[in-house]
Amino acid sequence: MAAIDPPYHQSGVCQIMLQKEHRFQLYMTQKAQVTPDANEKIVVGPLGWGAIVVDDFIIRDGPDDTNANLVGRARGMHVCNGIDDANWLFCHSIMFTDTSFKGSSIKMLGDHREEADGEWAVVGGTGEFAYARGVVTANVIEPYTPASGQRKWELDIRAFCLCTSEMTKMGPWGGQGGIACDITAPPISLQTVTIGYDTDVIHSIAFSYTDKDGQKKTAGPWGGDSALTTTIRCAPSETIKQVLGTTGTVGGDTVVTSLTLVSNHRTYGPFGKEANGSTSFSSQIEDGKTIAGFFARAGALVHALGVYCA
């Protein structure tokens, strides 16, 4: 007899599941409790077997405190798990505070022996790093001294996160001219977008993407030759969140006259011309989804454009 889900539980089959790799090189600074600007506190002591220290370590993107940016805090604790005070179990959550990953976190757990390098495990995460698993190579680049009152690590983090995808299509926006252009492999993430245009209209679009099998695919160019061409290359942590544009009449046909791409880092465009009297469109996708690819109608120009959301 098949089990029946209780009312507080739901389950389902995941059709598409990938792993996304994240690589970080970060620098963590520990300031001892004896210093005026300490970021740790002994809550069970004295130091020795069983001691517990609560931490709020500083995470920067470079080793030089004066030039590096504060990107997060390593909050948690370290517990002395040896018969002397040289062996510690570290348990921390790196809480990101910069604009790129604000609100997301990486959980790390591992052993540390005073002034020795080591490896810690990535045991989870939230936000951008949900389901994270991986390893942290922790190198002590500044040993603790009574004069400095601090210790500094270089953290080389490699984490893999599971990502699932539900594919939806939005649009197309524009006219019925040209021929239908589409892709055969469902897209998961957008890599590059190349837009051909002039001062008045969008001539062509091409793009590369990763499909559900993790393979890189290309599509296009869909459309004709153009005077100007711009290629947008998404950074490893960059995703396209919105496509804006306008449509208008050229030679009796409704075509796409301008395009703007908005990522989680910056805005690209507008390309073409947002003329008076043109009709605007916008891909208002749900939170948590991104633009993963395009479909279109195209001839000598791009007559209509739609998007895949993942």
Protein backbone atom coordinates (compact mmCIF):
# COMPACT_ATOMS: atom_id res chain seq x y z
CA MET A 1 0.00 0.00 0.00
CA ALA A 2 1.45 3.33 -1.05
CA ALA A 3 2.19 5.85 1.67
CA ILE A 4 -0.05 8.92 1.79
CA ASP A 5 1.53 12.31 2.42
CA PRO A 6 0.31 13.94 5.65
CA PRO A 7 -1.38 17.35 5.25
CA TYR A 8 1.76 19.21 6.33
CA HIS A 9 3.97 17.62 3.62
CA GLN A 10 4.19 17.82 -0.18
CA SER A 11 6.47 15.89 -2.52
CA GLY A 12 7.06 15.81 -6.24
CA VAL A 13 9.41 14.66 -8.98
CA CYS A 14 12.15 17.09 -9.99
CA GLN A 15 12.44 17.12 -13.78
CA ILE A 16 15.58 19.23 -14.07
CA MET A 17 18.34 19.50 -11.46
CA LEU A 18 21.80 20.97 -11.97
CA GLN A 19 24.75 21.97 -9.86
CA LYS A 20 26.11 25.50 -9.92
CA GLU A 21 29.70 26.04 -8.80
CA HIS A 22 30.69 29.07 -6.72
CA ARG A 23 34.35 30.01 -6.12
CA PHE A 24 35.42 32.65 -3.59
CA GLN A 25 38.72 33.97 -2.32
CA LEU A 26 37.94 35.81 0.90
CA TYR A 27 39.91 37.02 3.91
CA MET A 28 38.73 36.51 7.48
CA THR A 29 40.04 38.55 10.41
CA GLN A 30 39.75 37.42 14.05
CA LYS A 31 40.36 40.04 16.74
CA ALA A 32 41.05 38.56 20.17
CA GLN A 33 38.89 39.41 23.18
CA VAL A 34 41.82 41.25 24.79
CA THR A 35 41.83 43.88 21.99
CA PRO A 36 39.68 47.06 22.12
CA ASP A 37 37.89 46.20 18.86
CA ALA A 38 37.48 42.48 19.63
CA ASN A 39 35.09 40.44 17.46
CA GLU A 40 35.04 37.34 19.67
CA LYS A 41 33.92 36.69 23.25
CA ILE A 42 34.69 33.80 25.61
CA VAL A 43 31.35 32.56 26.96
CA VAL A 44 32.61 29.35 28.60
CA GLY A 45 36.10 29.46 30.02
CA PRO A 46 38.86 29.59 30.89
CA LEU A 47 40.66 28.70 27.67
CA GLY A 48 41.33 25.00 27.46
CA TRP A 49 39.34 21.84 26.85
CA GLY A 50 35.63 22.70 26.69
CA ALA A 51 36.08 26.45 26.22
CA ILE A 52 33.51 28.11 23.93
CA VAL A 53 34.13 31.38 22.09
CA VAL A 54 31.38 33.25 20.20
CA ASP A 55 32.58 34.95 17.00
CA ASP A 56 31.66 37.80 14.68
CA PHE A 57 34.73 37.71 12.41
CA ILE A 58 35.24 40.22 9.58
CA ILE A 59 35.14 39.00 5.96
CA ARG A 60 36.80 41.17 3.28
CA ASP A 61 37.59 40.68 -0.41
CA GLY A 62 41.31 41.38 -0.01
CA PRO A 63 44.14 40.93 2.52
CA ASP A 64 44.82 44.65 3.04
CA ASP A 65 42.27 46.07 5.49
CA THR A 66 42.74 49.63 4.22
CA ASN A 67 41.97 48.81 0.56
CA ALA A 68 39.70 45.75 0.77
CA ASN A 69 35.91 45.88 0.91
CA LEU A 70 33.85 44.49 3.77
CA VAL A 71 31.62 41.83 2.17
CA GLY A 72 30.30 39.89 5.16
CA ARG A 73 30.72 38.50 8.66
CA ALA A 74 31.61 34.99 9.84
CA ARG A 75 29.24 34.48 12.76
CA GLY A 76 29.26 31.42 14.97
CA MET A 77 31.61 29.91 17.51
CA HIS A 78 34.74 27.88 18.04
CA VAL A 79 35.02 25.19 20.72
CA CYS A 80 38.21 23.78 22.21
CA ASN A 81 38.04 20.03 21.58
CA GLY A 82 41.51 18.92 22.66
CA ILE A 83 43.32 18.37 25.92
CA ASP A 84 45.17 21.66 25.39
CA ASP A 85 44.00 24.97 23.92
CA ALA A 86 45.49 24.32 20.45
CA ASN A 87 42.69 22.24 18.91
CA TRP A 88 39.42 23.92 17.99
CA LEU A 89 36.19 23.03 16.23
CA PHE A 90 35.05 25.95 14.06
CA CYS A 91 31.36 26.37 13.22
CA HIS A 92 30.54 29.54 11.25
CA SER A 93 28.00 31.04 8.90
CA ILE A 94 29.39 33.58 6.43
CA MET A 95 26.61 36.17 6.19
CA PHE A 96 27.11 38.31 3.08
CA THR A 97 26.38 42.01 3.45
CA ASP A 98 27.51 43.43 0.07
CA THR A 99 25.01 44.17 -2.71
CA SER A 100 25.80 41.12 -4.86
CA PHE A 101 24.92 38.42 -2.30
CA LYS A 102 23.30 40.41 0.51
CA GLY A 103 21.16 38.16 2.69
CA SER A 104 22.70 34.90 1.44
CA SER A 105 24.96 32.73 3.59
CA ILE A 106 27.44 29.84 3.47
CA LYS A 107 27.75 27.46 6.43
CA MET A 108 31.20 26.01 7.17
CA LEU A 109 32.39 23.53 9.76
CA GLY A 110 35.86 22.14 10.49
CA ASP A 111 38.84 21.64 12.77
CA HIS A 112 41.58 24.17 13.38
CA ARG A 113 44.91 23.84 15.15
CA GLU A 114 46.59 27.05 16.24
CA GLU A 115 48.38 28.77 13.34
CA ALA A 116 48.02 25.71 11.09
CA ASP A 117 46.37 25.62 7.69
CA GLY A 118 43.45 23.28 7.17
CA GLU A 119 40.27 22.37 5.36
CA TRP A 120 36.71 23.02 6.49
CA ALA A 121 33.52 21.61 5.01
CA VAL A 122 30.76 23.67 3.40
CA VAL A 123 27.69 22.04 4.96
CA GLY A 124 24.87 24.24 3.69
CA GLY A 125 23.73 27.69 2.74
CA THR A 126 20.79 30.01 2.19
CA GLY A 127 19.61 32.35 -0.55
CA GLU A 128 21.94 32.22 -3.55
CA PHE A 129 23.79 29.32 -1.89
CA ALA A 130 20.88 27.09 -0.88
CA TYR A 131 21.80 23.37 -0.71
CA ALA A 132 25.54 24.27 -0.80
CA ARG A 133 28.15 21.54 -0.35
CA GLY A 134 31.89 21.92 -0.77
CA VAL A 135 35.20 22.63 0.90
CA VAL A 136 37.08 25.63 2.31
CA THR A 137 40.88 25.73 2.20
CA ALA A 138 41.82 27.93 5.16
CA ASN A 139 45.36 29.32 5.17
CA VAL A 140 46.65 31.41 8.06
CA ILE A 141 48.37 34.37 6.42
CA GLU A 142 48.83 36.41 9.60
CA PRO A 143 49.48 34.41 12.79
CA TYR A 144 48.25 35.79 16.09
CA THR A 145 50.69 37.87 18.13
CA PRO A 146 50.02 39.77 21.38
CA ALA A 147 51.16 42.95 19.61
CA SER A 148 48.61 42.75 16.78
CA GLY A 149 45.90 40.99 18.74
CA GLN A 150 44.54 39.43 15.58
CA ARG A 151 44.76 36.43 13.28
CA LYS A 152 43.93 36.49 9.55
CA TRP A 153 42.95 33.68 7.17
CA GLU A 154 42.76 33.40 3.42
CA LEU A 155 39.65 31.35 2.61
CA ASP A 156 39.52 29.58 -0.76
CA ILE A 157 35.88 28.45 -0.95
CA ARG A 158 34.54 26.03 -3.54
CA ALA A 159 30.84 25.28 -3.17
CA PHE A 160 28.30 23.47 -5.33
CA CYS A 161 24.60 24.28 -5.08
CA LEU A 162 21.69 22.27 -6.43
CA CYS A 163 19.42 24.28 -8.69
CA THR A 164 16.08 23.20 -10.10
CA SER A 165 14.30 24.78 -13.02
CA GLU A 166 10.71 25.28 -14.12
CA MET A 167 10.66 26.60 -17.66
CA THR A 168 8.07 29.15 -18.81
CA LYS A 169 7.79 31.34 -21.91
CA MET A 170 6.70 34.98 -21.97
CA GLY A 171 5.75 36.92 -25.10
CA PRO A 172 6.55 37.38 -27.86
CA TRP A 173 6.13 41.14 -28.09
CA GLY A 174 5.95 42.70 -31.54
CA GLY A 175 4.45 41.86 -34.93
CA GLN A 176 3.66 38.79 -37.03
CA GLY A 177 6.24 39.38 -39.78
CA GLY A 178 9.37 37.32 -40.45
CA ILE A 179 9.65 33.64 -39.54
CA ALA A 180 9.45 31.89 -36.17
CA CYS A 181 12.85 31.32 -34.49
CA ASP A 182 13.21 29.11 -31.43
CA ILE A 183 15.56 26.69 -29.66
CA THR A 184 15.16 22.95 -29.20
CA ALA A 185 17.01 22.39 -25.90
CA PRO A 186 15.39 23.99 -22.80
CA PRO A 187 17.71 26.73 -21.48
CA ILE A 188 18.79 26.89 -17.86
CA SER A 189 21.12 29.91 -17.73
CA LEU A 190 22.04 32.68 -20.14
CA GLN A 191 25.75 33.17 -20.92
CA THR A 192 25.98 35.85 -23.65
CA VAL A 193 23.62 38.01 -25.69
CA THR A 194 24.62 39.70 -28.97
CA ILE A 195 22.35 42.46 -30.27
CA GLY A 196 22.59 43.89 -33.78
CA TYR A 197 21.02 47.34 -34.13
CA ASP A 198 21.24 50.85 -35.56
CA THR A 199 19.92 54.16 -34.27
CA ASP A 200 16.29 53.28 -35.02
CA VAL A 201 15.64 49.53 -34.83
CA ILE A 202 16.85 46.07 -33.68
CA HIS A 203 18.24 44.09 -36.60
CA SER A 204 19.21 40.78 -34.96
CA ILE A 205 19.70 38.84 -31.74
CA ALA A 206 21.97 35.89 -30.91
CA PHE A 207 22.77 34.25 -27.60
CA SER A 208 24.53 31.37 -25.86
CA TYR A 209 23.13 29.42 -22.94
CA THR A 210 23.51 26.31 -20.80
CA ASP A 211 20.89 23.61 -21.33
CA LYS A 212 19.41 21.13 -18.83
CA ASP A 213 22.30 18.70 -19.47
CA GLY A 214 24.89 21.34 -18.59
CA GLN A 215 25.96 21.75 -22.24
CA LYS A 216 26.67 25.16 -23.77
CA LYS A 217 24.47 25.95 -26.77
CA THR A 218 24.26 28.87 -29.20
CA ALA A 219 21.30 30.32 -31.10
CA GLY A 220 21.10 32.89 -33.88
CA PRO A 221 21.79 35.37 -35.11
CA TRP A 222 18.09 35.75 -35.86
CA GLY A 223 17.58 38.69 -38.22
CA GLY A 224 19.69 40.62 -40.70
CA ASP A 225 22.92 42.60 -40.86
CA SER A 226 23.34 45.76 -38.79
CA ALA A 227 25.60 48.76 -38.49
CA LEU A 228 26.25 48.22 -34.76
CA THR A 229 26.71 45.08 -32.67
CA THR A 230 27.08 44.70 -28.89
CA THR A 231 27.81 41.46 -27.01
CA ILE A 232 26.85 41.19 -23.34
CA ARG A 233 28.78 38.55 -21.37
CA CYS A 234 27.26 37.61 -18.04
CA ALA A 235 29.69 37.37 -15.13
CA PRO A 236 29.69 34.10 -13.11
CA SER A 237 27.27 35.50 -10.53
CA GLU A 238 25.31 37.66 -12.99
CA THR A 239 21.82 36.88 -14.28
CA ILE A 240 19.46 38.79 -16.56
CA LYS A 241 16.38 39.68 -14.52
CA GLN A 242 14.34 41.72 -16.99
CA VAL A 243 14.06 42.57 -20.70
CA LEU A 244 12.54 45.93 -21.65
CA GLY A 245 11.86 47.21 -25.12
CA THR A 246 9.66 49.08 -27.55
CA THR A 247 7.95 48.15 -30.80
CA GLY A 248 6.99 50.38 -33.71
CA THR A 249 6.20 50.39 -37.42
CA VAL A 250 8.97 50.23 -40.03
CA GLY A 251 8.07 49.82 -43.71
CA GLY A 252 4.52 48.88 -42.76
CA ASP A 253 5.60 46.06 -40.38
CA THR A 254 5.60 46.04 -36.60
CA VAL A 255 9.16 45.39 -35.38
CA VAL A 256 11.25 45.68 -32.22
CA THR A 257 12.75 49.18 -32.17
CA SER A 258 14.72 49.11 -28.90
CA LEU A 259 15.97 46.68 -26.26
CA THR A 260 17.27 47.06 -22.69
CA LEU A 261 18.57 44.17 -20.55
CA VAL A 262 18.61 44.49 -16.77
CA SER A 263 20.83 42.16 -14.73
CA ASN A 264 21.32 41.78 -10.99
CA HIS A 265 24.51 43.88 -11.42
CA ARG A 266 23.75 46.55 -14.04
CA THR A 267 21.60 47.74 -16.95
CA TYR A 268 22.62 47.21 -20.60
CA GLY A 269 21.20 49.57 -23.20
CA PRO A 270 18.94 50.86 -24.50
CA PHE A 271 19.95 49.60 -27.95
CA GLY A 272 18.02 51.06 -30.89
CA LYS A 273 15.61 53.94 -30.35
CA GLU A 274 12.75 54.49 -27.91
CA ALA A 275 10.80 56.69 -30.33
CA ASN A 276 7.76 58.79 -29.47
CA GLY A 277 4.58 56.87 -30.16
CA SER A 278 6.24 53.45 -29.82
CA THR A 279 4.71 50.69 -27.72
CA SER A 280 6.62 49.56 -24.62
CA PHE A 281 6.91 46.00 -23.31
CA SER A 282 8.50 44.45 -20.23
CA SER A 283 9.14 40.89 -19.05
CA GLN A 284 7.79 41.07 -15.51
CA ILE A 285 9.15 37.75 -14.26
CA GLU A 286 8.60 36.31 -10.78
CA ASP A 287 11.10 36.77 -7.97
CA GLY A 288 13.66 33.98 -7.97
CA LYS A 289 13.47 33.47 -11.74
CA THR A 290 15.84 34.73 -14.44
CA ILE A 291 15.90 35.17 -18.21
CA ALA A 292 17.45 31.98 -19.60
CA GLY A 293 16.95 32.39 -23.37
CA PHE A 294 14.88 33.91 -26.18
CA PHE A 295 12.54 33.05 -29.04
CA ALA A 296 11.57 35.40 -31.81
CA ARG A 297 10.10 36.21 -35.21
CA ALA A 298 12.74 37.63 -37.53
CA GLY A 299 13.50 38.51 -41.13
CA ALA A 300 15.74 41.40 -42.10
CA LEU A 301 14.76 42.84 -38.68
CA VAL A 302 13.54 41.40 -35.39
CA HIS A 303 9.75 41.52 -35.71
CA ALA A 304 8.95 40.07 -32.28
CA LEU A 305 10.84 38.84 -29.22
CA GLY A 306 9.94 36.56 -26.31
CA VAL A 307 11.86 35.16 -23.36
CA TYR A 308 12.34 31.88 -21.50
CA CYS A 309 12.18 32.19 -17.71
CA ALA A 310 13.90 29.66 -15.43
